[in-house]
């Protein structure tokens, strides 16, 4: 069971997806991609990632205008890689 932390932010992000996130989710959901289970707007450590295949240690980020600060994206990627995840950005 997950901790008592509020999941309101994750729920909000799921309800307010970008068009790119919506299109990618249609391809990833229900194990459509090689039987891989993906989670969307999933918390990993201190970050919420767009899509995560936890068993495969894979994160997919769909970067739009909200990701104009590449320094923070690099820091985020290093953090996720330190947790053992491979990060793909589109």
PDB file of N, CA and C in Angstrom:
ATOM      1  N   UNK A   1       0.834  -1.181   0.000  1.00  0.00           N
ATOM      2  CA  UNK A   1       0.000   0.000   0.000  1.00  0.00           C
ATOM      3  C   UNK A   1       0.878   1.242   0.000  1.00  0.00           C
ATOM      4  N   UNK A   2       0.464   2.249  -0.749  1.00  0.00           N
ATOM      5  CA  UNK A   2       1.223   3.479  -0.811  1.00  0.00           C
ATOM      6  C   UNK A   2       1.039   4.290   0.462  1.00  0.00           C
ATOM      7  N   UNK A   3       1.923   5.252   0.636  1.00  0.00           N
ATOM      8  CA  UNK A   3       1.866   6.088   1.827  1.00  0.00           C
ATOM      9  C   UNK A   3       0.614   6.938   1.866  1.00  0.00           C
ATOM     10  N   UNK A   4       0.549   7.795   2.889  1.00  0.00           N
ATOM     11  CA  UNK A   4      -0.626   8.632   3.085  1.00  0.00           C
ATOM     12  C   UNK A   4      -0.574   9.927   2.284  1.00  0.00           C
ATOM     13  N   UNK A   5       0.470  10.090   1.487  1.00  0.00           N
ATOM     14  CA  UNK A   5       0.656  11.308   0.707  1.00  0.00           C
ATOM     15  C   UNK A   5      -0.547  11.541  -0.214  1.00  0.00           C
ATOM     16  N   UNK A   6      -0.947  12.770  -0.366  1.00  0.00           N
ATOM     17  CA  UNK A   6      -2.059  13.111  -1.243  1.00  0.00           C
ATOM     18  C   UNK A   6      -1.679  12.847  -2.697  1.00  0.00           C
ATOM     19  N   UNK A   7      -2.608  12.300  -3.427  1.00  0.00           N
ATOM     20  CA  UNK A   7      -2.376  12.007  -4.837  1.00  0.00           C
ATOM     21  C   UNK A   7      -3.149  12.973  -5.738  1.00  0.00           C
ATOM     22  N   UNK A   8      -3.554  14.094  -5.178  1.00  0.00           N
ATOM     23  CA  UNK A   8      -4.354  15.059  -5.930  1.00  0.00           C
ATOM     24  C   UNK A   8      -3.613  15.579  -7.161  1.00  0.00           C
ATOM     25  N   UNK A   9      -2.318  15.812  -7.035  1.00  0.00           N
ATOM     26  CA  UNK A   9      -1.547  16.342  -8.172  1.00  0.00           C
ATOM     27  C   UNK A   9      -1.522  15.337  -9.323  1.00  0.00           C
ATOM     28  N   UNK A  10      -1.290  14.050  -9.025  1.00  0.00           N
ATOM     29  CA  UNK A  10      -1.269  13.026 -10.060  1.00  0.00           C
ATOM     30  C   UNK A  10      -2.630  12.941 -10.752  1.00  0.00           C
ATOM     31  N   UNK A  11      -3.700  12.972  -9.962  1.00  0.00           N
ATOM     32  CA  UNK A  11      -5.050  12.901 -10.526  1.00  0.00           C
ATOM     33  C   UNK A  11      -5.326  14.096 -11.431  1.00  0.00           C
ATOM     34  N   UNK A  12      -4.900  15.267 -11.005  1.00  0.00           N
ATOM     35  CA  UNK A  12      -5.086  16.472 -11.814  1.00  0.00           C
ATOM     36  C   UNK A  12      -4.344  16.365 -13.144  1.00  0.00           C
ATOM     37  N   UNK A  13      -3.110  15.879 -13.092  1.00  0.00           N
ATOM     38  CA  UNK A  13      -2.331  15.737 -14.322  1.00  0.00           C
ATOM     39  C   UNK A  13      -2.957  14.709 -15.267  1.00  0.00           C
ATOM     40  N   UNK A  14      -3.537  13.657 -14.731  1.00  0.00           N
ATOM     41  CA  UNK A  14      -4.199  12.656 -15.578  1.00  0.00           C
ATOM     42  C   UNK A  14      -5.424  13.248 -16.260  1.00  0.00           C
ATOM     43  N   UNK A  15      -6.161  14.063 -15.539  1.00  0.00           N
ATOM     44  CA  UNK A  15      -7.377  14.673 -16.106  1.00  0.00           C
ATOM     45  C   UNK A  15      -7.050  15.746 -17.131  1.00  0.00           C
ATOM     46  N   UNK A  16      -5.889  16.370 -17.022  1.00  0.00           N
ATOM     47  CA  UNK A  16      -5.545  17.504 -17.883  1.00  0.00           C
ATOM     48  C   UNK A  16      -4.338  17.194 -18.766  1.00  0.00           C
ATOM     49  N   UNK A  17      -4.373  16.066 -19.454  1.00  0.00           N
ATOM     50  CA  UNK A  17      -3.262  15.677 -20.318  1.00  0.00           C
ATOM     51  C   UNK A  17      -3.174  16.575 -21.550  1.00  0.00           C
ATOM     52  N   UNK A  18      -1.960  16.694 -22.068  1.00  0.00           N
ATOM     53  CA  UNK A  18      -1.776  17.382 -23.348  1.00  0.00           C
ATOM     54  C   UNK A  18      -2.227  16.440 -24.461  1.00  0.00           C
ATOM     55  N   UNK A  19      -2.397  16.971 -25.654  1.00  0.00           N
ATOM     56  CA  UNK A  19      -2.767  16.129 -26.800  1.00  0.00           C
ATOM     57  C   UNK A  19      -1.713  15.062 -27.056  1.00  0.00           C
ATOM     58  N   UNK A  20      -0.442  15.428 -26.936  1.00  0.00           N
ATOM     59  CA  UNK A  20       0.644  14.463 -27.147  1.00  0.00           C
ATOM     60  C   UNK A  20       0.587  13.343 -26.114  1.00  0.00           C
ATOM     61  N   UNK A  21       0.351  13.691 -24.866  1.00  0.00           N
ATOM     62  CA  UNK A  21       0.251  12.678 -23.808  1.00  0.00           C
ATOM     63  C   UNK A  21      -0.945  11.765 -24.051  1.00  0.00           C
ATOM     64  N   UNK A  22      -2.053  12.354 -24.464  1.00  0.00           N
ATOM     65  CA  UNK A  22      -3.267  11.572 -24.732  1.00  0.00           C
ATOM     66  C   UNK A  22      -3.026  10.571 -25.857  1.00  0.00           C
ATOM     67  N   UNK A  23      -2.360  11.014 -26.928  1.00  0.00           N
ATOM     68  CA  UNK A  23      -2.084  10.144 -28.076  1.00  0.00           C
ATOM     69  C   UNK A  23      -1.125   9.016 -27.695  1.00  0.00           C
ATOM     70  N   UNK A  24      -0.092   9.345 -26.940  1.00  0.00           N
ATOM     71  CA  UNK A  24       0.865   8.316 -26.528  1.00  0.00           C
ATOM     72  C   UNK A  24       0.212   7.331 -25.566  1.00  0.00           C
ATOM     73  N   UNK A  25      -0.619   7.819 -24.651  1.00  0.00           N
ATOM     74  CA  UNK A  25      -1.282   6.939 -23.702  1.00  0.00           C
ATOM     75  C   UNK A  25      -2.181   5.924 -24.427  1.00  0.00           C
ATOM     76  N   UNK A  26      -2.816   6.364 -25.508  1.00  0.00           N
ATOM     77  CA  UNK A  26      -3.661   5.452 -26.285  1.00  0.00           C
ATOM     78  C   UNK A  26      -2.848   4.277 -26.826  1.00  0.00           C
ATOM     79  N   UNK A  27      -1.570   4.492 -27.089  1.00  0.00           N
ATOM     80  CA  UNK A  27      -0.707   3.424 -27.604  1.00  0.00           C
ATOM     81  C   UNK A  27      -0.081   2.588 -26.495  1.00  0.00           C
ATOM     82  N   UNK A  28       0.073   3.159 -25.308  1.00  0.00           N
ATOM     83  CA  UNK A  28       0.755   2.461 -24.213  1.00  0.00           C
ATOM     84  C   UNK A  28      -0.199   1.713 -23.278  1.00  0.00           C
ATOM     85  N   UNK A  29      -1.420   2.178 -23.160  1.00  0.00           N
ATOM     86  CA  UNK A  29      -2.338   1.625 -22.164  1.00  0.00           C
ATOM     87  C   UNK A  29      -2.732   0.188 -22.475  1.00  0.00           C
ATOM     88  N   UNK A  30      -3.208  -0.492 -21.486  1.00  0.00           N
ATOM     89  CA  UNK A  30      -3.698  -1.875 -21.612  1.00  0.00           C
ATOM     90  C   UNK A  30      -2.667  -2.824 -22.208  1.00  0.00           C
ATOM     91  N   UNK A  31      -1.391  -2.562 -21.908  1.00  0.00           N
ATOM     92  CA  UNK A  31      -0.293  -3.450 -22.344  1.00  0.00           C
ATOM     93  C   UNK A  31      -0.209  -3.600 -23.870  1.00  0.00           C
ATOM     94  N   UNK A  32      -0.555  -2.542 -24.605  1.00  0.00           N
ATOM     95  CA  UNK A  32      -0.507  -2.580 -26.074  1.00  0.00           C
ATOM     96  C   UNK A  32       0.914  -2.687 -26.612  1.00  0.00           C
ATOM     97  N   UNK A  33       1.876  -2.171 -25.896  1.00  0.00           N
ATOM     98  CA  UNK A  33       3.263  -2.176 -26.376  1.00  0.00           C
ATOM     99  C   UNK A  33       4.005  -3.375 -25.787  1.00  0.00           C
ATOM    100  N   UNK A  34       4.090  -4.426 -26.543  1.00  0.00           N
ATOM    101  CA  UNK A  34       4.842  -5.628 -26.163  1.00  0.00           C
ATOM    102  C   UNK A  34       4.443  -6.187 -24.800  1.00  0.00           C
ATOM    103  N   UNK A  35       3.189  -6.002 -24.429  1.00  0.00           N
ATOM    104  CA  UNK A  35       2.707  -6.529 -23.158  1.00  0.00           C
ATOM    105  C   UNK A  35       3.230  -5.800 -21.934  1.00  0.00           C
ATOM    106  N   UNK A  36       3.804  -4.631 -22.127  1.00  0.00           N
ATOM    107  CA  UNK A  36       4.405  -3.863 -21.028  1.00  0.00           C
ATOM    108  C   UNK A  36       3.356  -3.041 -20.299  1.00  0.00           C
ATOM    109  N   UNK A  37       3.364  -3.121 -18.978  1.00  0.00           N
ATOM    110  CA  UNK A  37       2.450  -2.354 -18.137  1.00  0.00           C
ATOM    111  C   UNK A  37       3.027  -0.965 -17.898  1.00  0.00           C
ATOM    112  N   UNK A  38       2.338   0.054 -18.396  1.00  0.00           N
ATOM    113  CA  UNK A  38       2.733   1.447 -18.171  1.00  0.00           C
ATOM    114  C   UNK A  38       1.752   2.098 -17.220  1.00  0.00           C
ATOM    115  N   UNK A  39       2.274   3.023 -16.424  1.00  0.00           N
ATOM    116  CA  UNK A  39       1.463   3.868 -15.554  1.00  0.00           C
ATOM    117  C   UNK A  39       1.626   5.295 -16.034  1.00  0.00           C
ATOM    118  N   UNK A  40       0.577   6.070 -15.972  1.00  0.00           N
ATOM    119  CA  UNK A  40       0.693   7.472 -16.405  1.00  0.00           C
ATOM    120  C   UNK A  40       0.630   8.389 -15.198  1.00  0.00           C
ATOM    121  N   UNK A  41       1.356   9.499 -15.310  1.00  0.00           N
ATOM    122  CA  UNK A  41       1.455  10.480 -14.230  1.00  0.00           C
ATOM    123  C   UNK A  41       1.724   9.760 -12.919  1.00  0.00           C
ATOM    124  N   UNK A  42       2.852   9.069 -12.900  1.00  0.00           N
ATOM    125  CA  UNK A  42       3.218   8.204 -11.788  1.00  0.00           C
ATOM    126  C   UNK A  42       4.343   8.832 -10.975  1.00  0.00           C
ATOM    127  N   UNK A  43       4.203   8.820  -9.650  1.00  0.00           N
ATOM    128  CA  UNK A  43       5.216   9.407  -8.768  1.00  0.00           C
ATOM    129  C   UNK A  43       6.373   8.436  -8.594  1.00  0.00           C
ATOM    130  N   UNK A  44       7.579   8.940  -8.875  1.00  0.00           N
ATOM    131  CA  UNK A  44       8.816   8.197  -8.622  1.00  0.00           C
ATOM    132  C   UNK A  44       9.694   9.096  -7.775  1.00  0.00           C
ATOM    133  N   UNK A  45       9.836   8.751  -6.520  1.00  0.00           N
ATOM    134  CA  UNK A  45      10.604   9.605  -5.631  1.00  0.00           C
ATOM    135  C   UNK A  45       9.919  10.947  -5.487  1.00  0.00           C
ATOM    136  N   UNK A  46      10.648  12.015  -5.756  1.00  0.00           N
ATOM    137  CA  UNK A  46      10.073  13.352  -5.584  1.00  0.00           C
ATOM    138  C   UNK A  46       9.457  13.918  -6.859  1.00  0.00           C
ATOM    139  N   UNK A  47       9.434  13.134  -7.945  1.00  0.00           N
ATOM    140  CA  UNK A  47       8.907  13.610  -9.220  1.00  0.00           C
ATOM    141  C   UNK A  47       7.696  12.804  -9.665  1.00  0.00           C
ATOM    142  N   UNK A  48       6.864  13.432 -10.476  1.00  0.00           N
ATOM    143  CA  UNK A  48       5.774  12.752 -11.155  1.00  0.00           C
ATOM    144  C   UNK A  48       6.177  12.668 -12.617  1.00  0.00           C
ATOM    145  N   UNK A  49       6.276  11.456 -13.138  1.00  0.00           N
ATOM    146  CA  UNK A  49       6.693  11.259 -14.529  1.00  0.00           C
ATOM    147  C   UNK A  49       5.468  11.030 -15.399  1.00  0.00           C
ATOM    148  N   UNK A  50       5.593  11.347 -16.687  1.00  0.00           N
ATOM    149  CA  UNK A  50       4.460  11.189 -17.595  1.00  0.00           C
ATOM    150  C   UNK A  50       4.042   9.725 -17.695  1.00  0.00           C
ATOM    151  N   UNK A  51       4.992   8.841 -18.015  1.00  0.00           N
ATOM    152  CA  UNK A  51       4.697   7.417 -18.160  1.00  0.00           C
ATOM    153  C   UNK A  51       5.845   6.611 -17.575  1.00  0.00           C
ATOM    154  N   UNK A  52       5.505   5.522 -16.890  1.00  0.00           N
ATOM    155  CA  UNK A  52       6.531   4.674 -16.300  1.00  0.00           C
ATOM    156  C   UNK A  52       6.179   3.206 -16.489  1.00  0.00           C
ATOM    157  N   UNK A  53       7.158   2.433 -16.937  1.00  0.00           N
ATOM    158  CA  UNK A  53       7.068   0.977 -16.942  1.00  0.00           C
ATOM    159  C   UNK A  53       7.986   0.542 -15.807  1.00  0.00           C
ATOM    160  N   UNK A  54       7.418   0.370 -14.640  1.00  0.00           N
ATOM    161  CA  UNK A  54       8.193   0.170 -13.419  1.00  0.00           C
ATOM    162  C   UNK A  54       9.017  -1.111 -13.487  1.00  0.00           C
ATOM    163  N   UNK A  55       8.417  -2.208 -13.946  1.00  0.00           N
ATOM    164  CA  UNK A  55       9.152  -3.473 -14.006  1.00  0.00           C
ATOM    165  C   UNK A  55      10.355  -3.395 -14.937  1.00  0.00           C
ATOM    166  N   UNK A  56      10.229  -2.639 -16.027  1.00  0.00           N
ATOM    167  CA  UNK A  56      11.318  -2.492 -16.990  1.00  0.00           C
ATOM    168  C   UNK A  56      12.248  -1.332 -16.651  1.00  0.00           C
ATOM    169  N   UNK A  57      11.913  -0.587 -15.589  1.00  0.00           N
ATOM    170  CA  UNK A  57      12.723   0.562 -15.153  1.00  0.00           C
ATOM    171  C   UNK A  57      12.858   1.596 -16.272  1.00  0.00           C
ATOM    172  N   UNK A  58      11.725   1.916 -16.924  1.00  0.00           N
ATOM    173  CA  UNK A  58      11.697   2.842 -18.055  1.00  0.00           C
ATOM    174  C   UNK A  58      10.729   3.980 -17.774  1.00  0.00           C
ATOM    175  N   UNK A  59      11.172   5.208 -18.057  1.00  0.00           N
ATOM    176  CA  UNK A  59      10.340   6.406 -17.938  1.00  0.00           C
ATOM    177  C   UNK A  59      10.269   7.062 -19.302  1.00  0.00           C
ATOM    178  N   UNK A  60       9.065   7.480 -19.698  1.00  0.00           N
ATOM    179  CA  UNK A  60       8.884   8.237 -20.935  1.00  0.00           C
ATOM    180  C   UNK A  60       8.321   9.592 -20.552  1.00  0.00           C
ATOM    181  N   UNK A  61       9.001  10.641 -20.984  1.00  0.00           N
ATOM    182  CA  UNK A  61       8.562  12.005 -20.737  1.00  0.00           C
ATOM    183  C   UNK A  61       8.202  12.653 -22.068  1.00  0.00           C
ATOM    184  N   UNK A  62       7.044  13.296 -22.120  1.00  0.00           N
ATOM    185  CA  UNK A  62       6.597  14.021 -23.304  1.00  0.00           C
ATOM    186  C   UNK A  62       6.791  15.495 -22.994  1.00  0.00           C
ATOM    187  N   UNK A  63       7.865  16.072 -23.546  1.00  0.00           N
ATOM    188  CA  UNK A  63       8.237  17.443 -23.211  1.00  0.00           C
ATOM    189  C   UNK A  63       7.573  18.433 -24.159  1.00  0.00           C
ATOM    190  N   UNK A  64       6.881  19.381 -23.569  1.00  0.00           N
ATOM    191  CA  UNK A  64       6.275  20.467 -24.330  1.00  0.00           C
ATOM    192  C   UNK A  64       6.825  21.781 -23.826  1.00  0.00           C
ATOM    193  N   UNK A  65       6.061  22.836 -23.996  1.00  0.00           N
ATOM    194  CA  UNK A  65       6.522  24.171 -23.598  1.00  0.00           C
ATOM    195  C   UNK A  65       6.762  24.270 -22.096  1.00  0.00           C
ATOM    196  N   UNK A  66       6.121  23.413 -21.307  1.00  0.00           N
ATOM    197  CA  UNK A  66       6.331  23.443 -19.858  1.00  0.00           C
ATOM    198  C   UNK A  66       7.715  22.955 -19.477  1.00  0.00           C
ATOM    199  N   UNK A  67       8.463  22.414 -20.432  1.00  0.00           N
ATOM    200  CA  UNK A  67       9.804  21.887 -20.168  1.00  0.00           C
ATOM    201  C   UNK A  67      10.884  22.753 -20.821  1.00  0.00           C
ATOM    202  N   UNK A  68      10.698  24.050 -20.813  1.00  0.00           N
ATOM    203  CA  UNK A  68      11.658  24.954 -21.454  1.00  0.00           C
ATOM    204  C   UNK A  68      12.963  25.057 -20.654  1.00  0.00           C
ATOM    205  N   UNK A  69      12.916  24.734 -19.386  1.00  0.00           N
ATOM    206  CA  UNK A  69      14.105  24.808 -18.532  1.00  0.00           C
ATOM    207  C   UNK A  69      14.845  23.476 -18.588  1.00  0.00           C
ATOM    208  N   UNK A  70      15.775  23.344 -19.528  1.00  0.00           N
ATOM    209  CA  UNK A  70      16.463  22.062 -19.717  1.00  0.00           C
ATOM    210  C   UNK A  70      17.365  21.713 -18.532  1.00  0.00           C
ATOM    211  N   UNK A  71      17.807  22.704 -17.756  1.00  0.00           N
ATOM    212  CA  UNK A  71      18.652  22.418 -16.588  1.00  0.00           C
ATOM    213  C   UNK A  71      17.882  21.594 -15.566  1.00  0.00           C
ATOM    214  N   UNK A  72      16.622  21.949 -15.323  1.00  0.00           N
ATOM    215  CA  UNK A  72      15.842  21.172 -14.356  1.00  0.00           C
ATOM    216  C   UNK A  72      15.496  19.801 -14.921  1.00  0.00           C
ATOM    217  N   UNK A  73      15.294  19.703 -16.250  1.00  0.00           N
ATOM    218  CA  UNK A  73      15.055  18.403 -16.872  1.00  0.00           C
ATOM    219  C   UNK A  73      16.277  17.506 -16.741  1.00  0.00           C
ATOM    220  N   UNK A  74      17.465  18.080 -16.890  1.00  0.00           N
ATOM    221  CA  UNK A  74      18.697  17.300 -16.738  1.00  0.00           C
ATOM    222  C   UNK A  74      18.847  16.806 -15.300  1.00  0.00           C
ATOM    223  N   UNK A  75      18.539  17.658 -14.347  1.00  0.00           N
ATOM    224  CA  UNK A  75      18.613  17.282 -12.931  1.00  0.00           C
ATOM    225  C   UNK A  75      17.604  16.167 -12.634  1.00  0.00           C
ATOM    226  N   UNK A  76      16.418  16.307 -13.170  1.00  0.00           N
ATOM    227  CA  UNK A  76      15.364  15.302 -13.005  1.00  0.00           C
ATOM    228  C   UNK A  76      15.797  13.964 -13.602  1.00  0.00           C
ATOM    229  N   UNK A  77      16.376  14.010 -14.806  1.00  0.00           N
ATOM    230  CA  UNK A  77      16.855  12.790 -15.461  1.00  0.00           C
ATOM    231  C   UNK A  77      17.936  12.113 -14.631  1.00  0.00           C
ATOM    232  N   UNK A  78      18.886  12.885 -14.127  1.00  0.00           N
ATOM    233  CA  UNK A  78      19.951  12.312 -13.286  1.00  0.00           C
ATOM    234  C   UNK A  78      19.362  11.644 -12.045  1.00  0.00           C
ATOM    235  N   UNK A  79      18.381  12.284 -11.436  1.00  0.00           N
ATOM    236  CA  UNK A  79      17.733  11.722 -10.246  1.00  0.00           C
ATOM    237  C   UNK A  79      17.073  10.384 -10.580  1.00  0.00           C
ATOM    238  N   UNK A  80      16.302  10.350 -11.680  1.00  0.00           N
ATOM    239  CA  UNK A  80      15.604   9.123 -12.066  1.00  0.00           C
ATOM    240  C   UNK A  80      16.582   8.022 -12.455  1.00  0.00           C
ATOM    241  N   UNK A  81      17.674   8.411 -13.122  1.00  0.00           N
ATOM    242  CA  UNK A  81      18.696   7.425 -13.468  1.00  0.00           C
ATOM    243  C   UNK A  81      19.370   6.872 -12.214  1.00  0.00           C
ATOM    244  N   UNK A  82      19.543   7.709 -11.198  1.00  0.00           N
ATOM    245  CA  UNK A  82      20.120   7.244  -9.936  1.00  0.00           C
ATOM    246  C   UNK A  82      19.197   6.228  -9.247  1.00  0.00           C
ATOM    247  N   UNK A  83      17.885   6.317  -9.531  1.00  0.00           N
ATOM    248  CA  UNK A  83      16.930   5.339  -9.013  1.00  0.00           C
ATOM    249  C   UNK A  83      16.925   4.058  -9.847  1.00  0.00           C
ATOM    250  N   UNK A  84      17.693   4.082 -10.960  1.00  0.00           N
ATOM    251  CA  UNK A  84      17.788   2.895 -11.804  1.00  0.00           C
ATOM    252  C   UNK A  84      16.883   2.901 -13.023  1.00  0.00           C
ATOM    253  N   UNK A  85      16.310   4.059 -13.360  1.00  0.00           N
ATOM    254  CA  UNK A  85      15.420   4.158 -14.509  1.00  0.00           C
ATOM    255  C   UNK A  85      16.151   4.716 -15.730  1.00  0.00           C
ATOM    256  N   UNK A  86      15.756   4.244 -16.887  1.00  0.00           N
ATOM    257  CA  UNK A  86      16.208   4.823 -18.166  1.00  0.00           C
ATOM    258  C   UNK A  86      15.131   5.840 -18.563  1.00  0.00           C
ATOM    259  N   UNK A  87      15.527   7.011 -19.003  1.00  0.00           N
ATOM    260  CA  UNK A  87      14.587   8.089 -19.314  1.00  0.00           C
ATOM    261  C   UNK A  87      14.627   8.384 -20.806  1.00  0.00           C
ATOM    262  N   UNK A  88      13.451   8.322 -21.444  1.00  0.00           N
ATOM    263  CA  UNK A  88      13.298   8.706 -22.850  1.00  0.00           C
ATOM    264  C   UNK A  88      12.460   9.972 -22.894  1.00  0.00           C
ATOM    265  N   UNK A  89      12.944  10.973 -23.632  1.00  0.00           N
ATOM    266  CA  UNK A  89      12.222  12.237 -23.758  1.00  0.00           C
ATOM    267  C   UNK A  89      11.813  12.474 -25.208  1.00  0.00           C
ATOM    268  N   UNK A  90      10.573  12.885 -25.382  1.00  0.00           N
ATOM    269  CA  UNK A  90      10.062  13.224 -26.712  1.00  0.00           C
ATOM    270  C   UNK A  90       9.474  14.614 -26.672  1.00  0.00           C
TER     271      UNK A  90
END
